[in-house]
Amino acid sequence: MFLYNVAENGALRKTTAVDFNDSNRVYLIDENKIIYLWQGKKASKKKKDLSLKKANLLNQSRDNTAKIQIIHQSNEFGGFLAIMDALKSGGIKTESVEKRPELELEIEDTKELIEAGIEPDLIAEINLAAYELAQKNKGYKGLCRELAKLQLSITKGEKKMTDNEIKKKTEEIFKSSSTYEEVCWLISELKILSGKDFFKKNV
């Protein structure tokens, strides 16, 4: 099970703790075949809409095989009640990995620097490219494949990688629990560094 706290800008942030008493919260709980969206009473419409958008993107990456259920605070029902109790008591183990700090898309800070006439540094440049990629709303699995091809092209060379290797690497990335924003950031990072011949200099 993967548990995410949904930020106001729609970003999914992995968490291992829940607070079902906080009316401003929205949680996305991914059980693979069912994606639950728990929405607090006071959560903004923007946050609720963005959480549904992210749930649909996640489902599209699985060829729409999952069922999306929206759960409203104080109106919890069905199988979610058992999950809710288990999460509160710590009875369900949630998957979580450490997240590199630069994977947060600080796009507003980056835009302010550019508007002020300041040349963006490498991190700002990647942030901007990742933000633009995320806005295209590509399917998650397609992004995983794009990242897999980039990684293999760097380690093996574009002509030497096989379709089977691309498929295997795509599955590894897909199962890694990286968020949509993380994959966008990593794709942008590799593209920009490749464009600067960074990897040729460091082989």
C-alpha atoms as a PDB file:
ATOM      1  CA  MET A   1       0.000   0.000   0.000  1.00  0.00           C
ATOM      2  CA  PHE A   2       1.200   3.509  -0.821  1.00  0.00           C
ATOM      3  CA  LEU A   3      -0.024   6.483   1.177  1.00  0.00           C
ATOM      4  CA  TYR A   4       0.215  10.075  -0.043  1.00  0.00           C
ATOM      5  CA  ASN A   5      -0.724  13.397   1.461  1.00  0.00           C
ATOM      6  CA  VAL A   6      -2.022  15.679  -1.316  1.00  0.00           C
ATOM      7  CA  ALA A   7      -0.566  19.193  -1.254  1.00  0.00           C
ATOM      8  CA  GLU A   8      -2.518  22.314  -2.232  1.00  0.00           C
ATOM      9  CA  ASN A   9      -0.796  22.343  -5.649  1.00  0.00           C
ATOM     10  CA  GLY A  10      -1.741  18.691  -6.213  1.00  0.00           C
ATOM     11  CA  ALA A  11       1.713  17.262  -5.479  1.00  0.00           C
ATOM     12  CA  LEU A  12       1.682  13.790  -3.951  1.00  0.00           C
ATOM     13  CA  ARG A  13       3.897  13.547  -0.878  1.00  0.00           C
ATOM     14  CA  LYS A  14       4.619  10.120   0.563  1.00  0.00           C
ATOM     15  CA  THR A  15       3.733   9.774   4.205  1.00  0.00           C
ATOM     16  CA  THR A  16       3.459   7.030   6.794  1.00  0.00           C
ATOM     17  CA  ALA A  17       1.121   8.964   9.115  1.00  0.00           C
ATOM     18  CA  VAL A  18      -2.516   9.993   8.759  1.00  0.00           C
ATOM     19  CA  ASP A  19      -4.732  12.410  10.635  1.00  0.00           C
ATOM     20  CA  PHE A  20      -8.347  11.750   9.743  1.00  0.00           C
ATOM     21  CA  ASN A  21      -9.396  14.509  12.165  1.00  0.00           C
ATOM     22  CA  ASP A  22      -7.732  17.204  10.056  1.00  0.00           C
ATOM     23  CA  SER A  23     -10.518  18.537   7.836  1.00  0.00           C
ATOM     24  CA  ASN A  24      -8.067  20.285   5.507  1.00  0.00           C
ATOM     25  CA  ARG A  25      -6.322  17.071   4.485  1.00  0.00           C
ATOM     26  CA  VAL A  26      -6.715  14.999   1.329  1.00  0.00           C
ATOM     27  CA  TYR A  27      -5.084  11.568   1.223  1.00  0.00           C
ATOM     28  CA  LEU A  28      -4.515   9.314  -1.763  1.00  0.00           C
ATOM     29  CA  ILE A  29      -4.299   5.684  -0.653  1.00  0.00           C
ATOM     30  CA  ASP A  30      -3.106   3.361  -3.400  1.00  0.00           C
ATOM     31  CA  GLU A  31      -4.026  -0.296  -2.940  1.00  0.00           C
ATOM     32  CA  ASN A  32      -3.221  -1.147  -6.559  1.00  0.00           C
ATOM     33  CA  LYS A  33      -6.703  -2.378  -7.546  1.00  0.00           C
ATOM     34  CA  ILE A  34      -8.441   0.401  -5.608  1.00  0.00           C
ATOM     35  CA  ILE A  35      -7.304   4.009  -5.319  1.00  0.00           C
ATOM     36  CA  TYR A  36      -8.988   5.774  -2.401  1.00  0.00           C
ATOM     37  CA  LEU A  37      -9.234   9.558  -2.167  1.00  0.00           C
ATOM     38  CA  TRP A  38     -10.061  10.595   1.388  1.00  0.00           C
ATOM     39  CA  GLN A  39     -11.218  14.229   1.355  1.00  0.00           C
ATOM     40  CA  GLY A  40     -11.521  16.364   4.468  1.00  0.00           C
ATOM     41  CA  LYS A  41     -14.608  18.581   4.876  1.00  0.00           C
ATOM     42  CA  LYS A  42     -12.619  21.832   4.698  1.00  0.00           C
ATOM     43  CA  ALA A  43     -10.205  20.792   1.937  1.00  0.00           C
ATOM     44  CA  SER A  44     -10.269  23.273  -0.938  1.00  0.00           C
ATOM     45  CA  LYS A  45     -12.050  22.446  -4.184  1.00  0.00           C
ATOM     46  CA  LYS A  46      -8.737  22.947  -5.969  1.00  0.00           C
ATOM     47  CA  LYS A  47      -7.014  20.311  -3.845  1.00  0.00           C
ATOM     48  CA  LYS A  48      -9.894  17.864  -4.312  1.00  0.00           C
ATOM     49  CA  ASP A  49      -9.954  18.391  -8.083  1.00  0.00           C
ATOM     50  CA  LEU A  50      -6.188  17.980  -8.374  1.00  0.00           C
ATOM     51  CA  SER A  51      -6.216  14.843  -6.229  1.00  0.00           C
ATOM     52  CA  LEU A  52      -8.785  13.279  -8.568  1.00  0.00           C
ATOM     53  CA  LYS A  53      -6.679  14.301 -11.548  1.00  0.00           C
ATOM     54  CA  LYS A  54      -3.629  12.575 -10.036  1.00  0.00           C
ATOM     55  CA  ALA A  55      -5.674   9.469  -9.225  1.00  0.00           C
ATOM     56  CA  ASN A  56      -6.863   9.293 -12.833  1.00  0.00           C
ATOM     57  CA  LEU A  57      -3.294   9.692 -14.137  1.00  0.00           C
ATOM     58  CA  LEU A  58      -2.156   6.900 -11.848  1.00  0.00           C
ATOM     59  CA  ASN A  59      -5.009   4.708 -13.058  1.00  0.00           C
ATOM     60  CA  GLN A  60      -4.269   5.481 -16.713  1.00  0.00           C
ATOM     61  CA  SER A  61      -0.731   4.192 -16.190  1.00  0.00           C
ATOM     62  CA  ARG A  62      -2.344   0.845 -15.272  1.00  0.00           C
ATOM     63  CA  ASP A  63      -4.612   0.861 -18.311  1.00  0.00           C
ATOM     64  CA  ASN A  64      -7.525   1.928 -16.070  1.00  0.00           C
ATOM     65  CA  THR A  65      -7.559  -1.384 -14.185  1.00  0.00           C
ATOM     66  CA  ALA A  66      -8.001   0.226 -10.755  1.00  0.00           C
ATOM     67  CA  LYS A  67     -11.232   1.507  -9.235  1.00  0.00           C
ATOM     68  CA  ILE A  68     -11.210   5.057  -7.849  1.00  0.00           C
ATOM     69  CA  GLN A  69     -13.314   5.670  -4.741  1.00  0.00           C
ATOM     70  CA  ILE A  70     -13.835   9.126  -3.237  1.00  0.00           C
ATOM     71  CA  ILE A  71     -14.313   8.994   0.522  1.00  0.00           C
ATOM     72  CA  HIS A  72     -15.724  12.028   2.338  1.00  0.00           C
ATOM     73  CA  GLN A  73     -14.794  12.785   5.934  1.00  0.00           C
ATOM     74  CA  SER A  74     -17.400  11.463   8.410  1.00  0.00           C
ATOM     75  CA  ASN A  75     -19.054   9.476   5.602  1.00  0.00           C
ATOM     76  CA  GLU A  76     -16.531   6.666   5.329  1.00  0.00           C
ATOM     77  CA  PHE A  77     -18.014   3.369   4.144  1.00  0.00           C
ATOM     78  CA  GLY A  78     -17.319  -0.205   3.093  1.00  0.00           C
ATOM     79  CA  GLY A  79     -13.838  -1.666   3.024  1.00  0.00           C
ATOM     80  CA  PHE A  80     -12.283   1.716   3.675  1.00  0.00           C
ATOM     81  CA  LEU A  81     -13.437   1.610   7.292  1.00  0.00           C
ATOM     82  CA  ALA A  82     -11.119  -1.329   7.986  1.00  0.00           C
ATOM     83  CA  ILE A  83      -8.223   0.411   6.228  1.00  0.00           C
ATOM     84  CA  MET A  84      -8.954   3.599   8.136  1.00  0.00           C
ATOM     85  CA  ASP A  85      -8.841   1.846  11.525  1.00  0.00           C
ATOM     86  CA  ALA A  86      -5.676  -0.034  10.595  1.00  0.00           C
ATOM     87  CA  LEU A  87      -3.930   3.119   9.395  1.00  0.00           C
ATOM     88  CA  LYS A  88      -4.809   4.958  12.601  1.00  0.00           C
ATOM     89  CA  SER A  89      -3.488   2.099  14.727  1.00  0.00           C
ATOM     90  CA  GLY A  90      -0.406   1.549  12.588  1.00  0.00           C
ATOM     91  CA  GLY A  91      -1.601  -1.914  11.625  1.00  0.00           C
ATOM     92  CA  ILE A  92      -0.904  -1.439   7.920  1.00  0.00           C
ATOM     93  CA  LYS A  93       2.620  -1.085   6.626  1.00  0.00           C
ATOM     94  CA  THR A  94       2.884   1.687   4.056  1.00  0.00           C
ATOM     95  CA  GLU A  95       5.667   1.922   1.511  1.00  0.00           C
ATOM     96  CA  SER A  96       7.889   4.964   1.719  1.00  0.00           C
ATOM     97  CA  VAL A  97      11.287   5.974   0.398  1.00  0.00           C
ATOM     98  CA  GLU A  98      13.539   8.925   1.103  1.00  0.00           C
ATOM     99  CA  LYS A  99      12.983  11.712  -1.380  1.00  0.00           C
ATOM    100  CA  ARG A 100      15.767  13.934  -2.687  1.00  0.00           C
ATOM    101  CA  PRO A 101      14.942  17.531  -1.678  1.00  0.00           C
ATOM    102  CA  GLU A 102      15.429  18.901  -5.199  1.00  0.00           C
ATOM    103  CA  LEU A 103      12.606  16.664  -6.454  1.00  0.00           C
ATOM    104  CA  GLU A 104      10.105  19.161  -5.069  1.00  0.00           C
ATOM    105  CA  LEU A 105       9.181  21.316  -8.040  1.00  0.00           C
ATOM    106  CA  GLU A 106       9.869  24.807  -6.644  1.00  0.00           C
ATOM    107  CA  ILE A 107       8.559  26.366  -9.812  1.00  0.00           C
ATOM    108  CA  GLU A 108       7.415  29.679  -8.302  1.00  0.00           C
ATOM    109  CA  ASP A 109      10.888  30.403  -6.920  1.00  0.00           C
ATOM    110  CA  THR A 110      12.397  29.540 -10.297  1.00  0.00           C
ATOM    111  CA  LYS A 111       9.993  31.825 -12.165  1.00  0.00           C
ATOM    112  CA  GLU A 112      10.750  34.701  -9.789  1.00  0.00           C
ATOM    113  CA  LEU A 113      14.469  34.371 -10.480  1.00  0.00           C
ATOM    114  CA  ILE A 114      13.921  34.411 -14.240  1.00  0.00           C
ATOM    115  CA  GLU A 115      11.535  37.381 -14.045  1.00  0.00           C
ATOM    116  CA  ALA A 116      14.164  39.231 -12.008  1.00  0.00           C
ATOM    117  CA  GLY A 117      16.630  38.731 -14.854  1.00  0.00           C
ATOM    118  CA  ILE A 118      18.753  36.218 -12.947  1.00  0.00           C
ATOM    119  CA  GLU A 119      20.171  33.383 -15.043  1.00  0.00           C
ATOM    120  CA  PRO A 120      18.752  30.102 -13.656  1.00  0.00           C
ATOM    121  CA  ASP A 121      21.257  27.652 -12.208  1.00  0.00           C
ATOM    122  CA  LEU A 122      21.201  23.949 -13.089  1.00  0.00           C
ATOM    123  CA  ILE A 123      18.615  23.015 -10.438  1.00  0.00           C
ATOM    124  CA  ALA A 124      16.308  25.867 -11.473  1.00  0.00           C
ATOM    125  CA  GLU A 125      16.701  24.888 -15.120  1.00  0.00           C
ATOM    126  CA  ILE A 126      15.725  21.292 -14.342  1.00  0.00           C
ATOM    127  CA  ASN A 127      12.822  22.446 -12.158  1.00  0.00           C
ATOM    128  CA  LEU A 128      11.418  24.513 -15.007  1.00  0.00           C
ATOM    129  CA  ALA A 129      11.783  21.689 -17.546  1.00  0.00           C
ATOM    130  CA  ALA A 130      10.216  19.195 -15.116  1.00  0.00           C
ATOM    131  CA  TYR A 131       7.282  21.528 -14.468  1.00  0.00           C
ATOM    132  CA  GLU A 132       6.666  21.961 -18.203  1.00  0.00           C
ATOM    133  CA  LEU A 133       6.828  18.190 -18.705  1.00  0.00           C
ATOM    134  CA  ALA A 134       4.391  17.581 -15.829  1.00  0.00           C
ATOM    135  CA  GLN A 135       1.910  20.024 -17.398  1.00  0.00           C
ATOM    136  CA  LYS A 136       1.671  17.817 -20.500  1.00  0.00           C
ATOM    137  CA  ASN A 137      -0.152  15.196 -18.387  1.00  0.00           C
ATOM    138  CA  LYS A 138       1.496  12.222 -20.072  1.00  0.00           C
ATOM    139  CA  GLY A 139       0.627   8.758 -18.775  1.00  0.00           C
ATOM    140  CA  TYR A 140       2.748   7.620 -15.843  1.00  0.00           C
ATOM    141  CA  LYS A 141       3.872   4.370 -17.480  1.00  0.00           C
ATOM    142  CA  GLY A 142       4.897   6.253 -20.620  1.00  0.00           C
ATOM    143  CA  LEU A 143       7.063   8.541 -18.491  1.00  0.00           C
ATOM    144  CA  CYS A 144       8.615   5.491 -16.804  1.00  0.00           C
ATOM    145  CA  ARG A 145       9.512   4.110 -20.235  1.00  0.00           C
ATOM    146  CA  GLU A 146      10.996   7.450 -21.295  1.00  0.00           C
ATOM    147  CA  LEU A 147      13.136   7.533 -18.154  1.00  0.00           C
ATOM    148  CA  ALA A 148      14.184   3.902 -18.677  1.00  0.00           C
ATOM    149  CA  LYS A 149      15.376   4.651 -22.221  1.00  0.00           C
ATOM    150  CA  LEU A 150      17.324   7.671 -21.031  1.00  0.00           C
ATOM    151  CA  GLN A 151      19.029   5.710 -18.266  1.00  0.00           C
ATOM    152  CA  LEU A 152      19.927   2.846 -20.595  1.00  0.00           C
ATOM    153  CA  SER A 153      21.187   5.162 -23.318  1.00  0.00           C
ATOM    154  CA  ILE A 154      23.627   6.641 -20.799  1.00  0.00           C
ATOM    155  CA  THR A 155      24.847   3.320 -19.389  1.00  0.00           C
ATOM    156  CA  LYS A 156      24.787   1.205 -22.566  1.00  0.00           C
ATOM    157  CA  GLY A 157      24.470   3.534 -25.517  1.00  0.00           C
ATOM    158  CA  GLU A 158      21.301   4.024 -27.534  1.00  0.00           C
ATOM    159  CA  LYS A 159      22.214   1.433 -30.184  1.00  0.00           C
ATOM    160  CA  LYS A 160      23.049  -1.316 -27.680  1.00  0.00           C
ATOM    161  CA  MET A 161      19.890  -1.352 -25.546  1.00  0.00           C
ATOM    162  CA  THR A 162      17.277  -3.953 -26.400  1.00  0.00           C
ATOM    163  CA  ASP A 163      13.478  -3.801 -26.210  1.00  0.00           C
ATOM    164  CA  ASN A 164      13.575  -6.395 -23.429  1.00  0.00           C
ATOM    165  CA  GLU A 165      15.989  -4.264 -21.405  1.00  0.00           C
ATOM    166  CA  ILE A 166      13.792  -1.204 -21.871  1.00  0.00           C
ATOM    167  CA  LYS A 167      10.735  -3.181 -20.736  1.00  0.00           C
ATOM    168  CA  LYS A 168      12.542  -4.537 -17.670  1.00  0.00           C
ATOM    169  CA  LYS A 169      13.899  -1.128 -16.672  1.00  0.00           C
ATOM    170  CA  THR A 170      10.459   0.455 -17.209  1.00  0.00           C
ATOM    171  CA  GLU A 171       8.904  -2.067 -14.802  1.00  0.00           C
ATOM    172  CA  GLU A 172      11.630  -1.387 -12.218  1.00  0.00           C
ATOM    173  CA  ILE A 173      10.893   2.338 -12.317  1.00  0.00           C
ATOM    174  CA  PHE A 174       7.128   1.771 -12.301  1.00  0.00           C
ATOM    175  CA  LYS A 175       7.391  -0.409  -9.172  1.00  0.00           C
ATOM    176  CA  SER A 176       9.779   1.992  -7.408  1.00  0.00           C
ATOM    177  CA  SER A 177       6.835   4.108  -6.099  1.00  0.00           C
ATOM    178  CA  SER A 178       8.321   7.331  -7.490  1.00  0.00           C
ATOM    179  CA  THR A 179       5.731  10.088  -7.750  1.00  0.00           C
ATOM    180  CA  TYR A 180       4.698  11.637 -11.075  1.00  0.00           C
ATOM    181  CA  GLU A 181       6.741  14.772 -10.256  1.00  0.00           C
ATOM    182  CA  GLU A 182       9.824  12.738  -9.365  1.00  0.00           C
ATOM    183  CA  VAL A 183       9.817  10.921 -12.692  1.00  0.00           C
ATOM    184  CA  CYS A 184       9.364  14.220 -14.554  1.00  0.00           C
ATOM    185  CA  TRP A 185      12.285  15.693 -12.612  1.00  0.00           C
ATOM    186  CA  LEU A 186      14.577  12.749 -13.319  1.00  0.00           C
ATOM    187  CA  ILE A 187      13.746  12.774 -17.044  1.00  0.00           C
ATOM    188  CA  SER A 188      14.458  16.503 -17.234  1.00  0.00           C
ATOM    189  CA  GLU A 189      17.676  16.108 -15.240  1.00  0.00           C
ATOM    190  CA  LEU A 190      19.056  13.424 -17.561  1.00  0.00           C
ATOM    191  CA  LYS A 191      18.038  15.300 -20.720  1.00  0.00           C
ATOM    192  CA  ILE A 192      19.657  18.545 -19.590  1.00  0.00           C
ATOM    193  CA  LEU A 193      22.843  16.889 -18.332  1.00  0.00           C
ATOM    194  CA  SER A 194      23.102  14.879 -21.556  1.00  0.00           C
ATOM    195  CA  GLY A 195      22.692  18.091 -23.535  1.00  0.00           C
ATOM    196  CA  LYS A 196      25.631  19.559 -21.629  1.00  0.00           C
ATOM    197  CA  ASP A 197      27.749  16.445 -22.414  1.00  0.00           C
ATOM    198  CA  PHE A 198      28.005  15.826 -18.665  1.00  0.00           C
ATOM    199  CA  PHE A 199      28.108  12.045 -19.008  1.00  0.00           C
ATOM    200  CA  LYS A 200      30.754  12.072 -21.743  1.00  0.00           C
ATOM    201  CA  LYS A 201      32.987  14.087 -19.440  1.00  0.00           C
ATOM    202  CA  ASN A 202      32.464  11.709 -16.553  1.00  0.00           C
ATOM    203  CA  VAL A 203      32.974   8.293 -18.166  1.00  0.00           C
END
